[in-house]
Amino acid sequence: MSNLQNLQSYDPFADTG
């Protein structure tokens, strides 16, 4: 699950919600 981990690590929309 490298993709999932990568996405979680870099979430450009995490701040927006």
PDB file of N, CA and C in Angstrom:
ATOM      1  N   MET A   1       0.861  -1.209   0.000  1.00  0.00           N
ATOM      2  CA  MET A   1       0.000   0.000   0.000  1.00  0.00           C
ATOM      3  C   MET A   1       0.888   1.248   0.000  1.00  0.00           C
ATOM      4  N   SER A   2       1.801   1.290  -0.908  1.00  0.00           N
ATOM      5  CA  SER A   2       2.703   2.441  -0.968  1.00  0.00           C
ATOM      6  C   SER A   2       1.945   3.685  -1.429  1.00  0.00           C
ATOM      7  N   ASN A   3       1.030   3.482  -2.361  1.00  0.00           N
ATOM      8  CA  ASN A   3       0.255   4.603  -2.889  1.00  0.00           C
ATOM      9  C   ASN A   3      -0.540   5.283  -1.790  1.00  0.00           C
ATOM     10  N   LEU A   4      -1.233   4.494  -1.006  1.00  0.00           N
ATOM     11  CA  LEU A   4      -2.073   5.048   0.066  1.00  0.00           C
ATOM     12  C   LEU A   4      -1.214   5.834   1.051  1.00  0.00           C
ATOM     13  N   GLN A   5      -0.097   5.235   1.426  1.00  0.00           N
ATOM     14  CA  GLN A   5       0.791   5.895   2.386  1.00  0.00           C
ATOM     15  C   GLN A   5       1.306   7.213   1.799  1.00  0.00           C
ATOM     16  N   ASN A   6       1.648   7.195   0.527  1.00  0.00           N
ATOM     17  CA  ASN A   6       2.162   8.399  -0.118  1.00  0.00           C
ATOM     18  C   ASN A   6       1.113   9.497  -0.119  1.00  0.00           C
ATOM     19  N   LEU A   7      -0.109   9.127  -0.423  1.00  0.00           N
ATOM     20  CA  LEU A   7      -1.191  10.105  -0.468  1.00  0.00           C
ATOM     21  C   LEU A   7      -1.428  10.696   0.912  1.00  0.00           C
ATOM     22  N   GLN A   8      -1.448   9.825   1.903  1.00  0.00           N
ATOM     23  CA  GLN A   8      -1.691  10.285   3.273  1.00  0.00           C
ATOM     24  C   GLN A   8      -0.580  11.241   3.712  1.00  0.00           C
ATOM     25  N   SER A   9       0.640  10.920   3.315  1.00  0.00           N
ATOM     26  CA  SER A   9       1.783  11.740   3.694  1.00  0.00           C
ATOM     27  C   SER A   9       1.662  13.125   3.050  1.00  0.00           C
ATOM     28  N   TYR A  10       1.216  13.156   1.821  1.00  0.00           N
ATOM     29  CA  TYR A  10       1.091  14.427   1.089  1.00  0.00           C
ATOM     30  C   TYR A  10      -0.367  14.668   0.703  1.00  0.00           C
ATOM     31  N   ASP A  11      -1.095  15.375   1.562  1.00  0.00           N
ATOM     32  CA  ASP A  11      -2.517  15.636   1.298  1.00  0.00           C
ATOM     33  C   ASP A  11      -2.743  17.122   1.042  1.00  0.00           C
ATOM     34  N   PRO A  12      -2.793  17.537  -0.222  1.00  0.00           N
ATOM     35  CA  PRO A  12      -2.990  18.946  -0.562  1.00  0.00           C
ATOM     36  C   PRO A  12      -4.386  19.425  -0.189  1.00  0.00           C
ATOM     37  N   PHE A  13      -5.307  18.471  -0.022  1.00  0.00           N
ATOM     38  CA  PHE A  13      -6.689  18.824   0.298  1.00  0.00           C
ATOM     39  C   PHE A  13      -7.021  18.540   1.762  1.00  0.00           C
ATOM     40  N   ALA A  14      -6.012  18.133   2.512  1.00  0.00           N
ATOM     41  CA  ALA A  14      -6.226  17.816   3.925  1.00  0.00           C
ATOM     42  C   ALA A  14      -6.608  19.086   4.681  1.00  0.00           C
ATOM     43  N   ASP A  15      -6.014  20.199   4.267  1.00  0.00           N
ATOM     44  CA  ASP A  15      -6.311  21.465   4.948  1.00  0.00           C
ATOM     45  C   ASP A  15      -7.731  21.921   4.635  1.00  0.00           C
ATOM     46  N   THR A  16      -8.140  21.712   3.379  1.00  0.00           N
ATOM     47  CA  THR A  16      -9.478  22.148   2.971  1.00  0.00           C
ATOM     48  C   THR A  16     -10.546  21.263   3.602  1.00  0.00           C
ATOM     49  N   GLY A  17     -10.182  20.027   3.887  1.00  0.00           N
ATOM     50  CA  GLY A  17     -11.161  19.151   4.509  1.00  0.00           C
ATOM     51  C   GLY A  17     -11.233  17.872   3.761  1.00  0.00           C
TER      52      GLY A  17
END
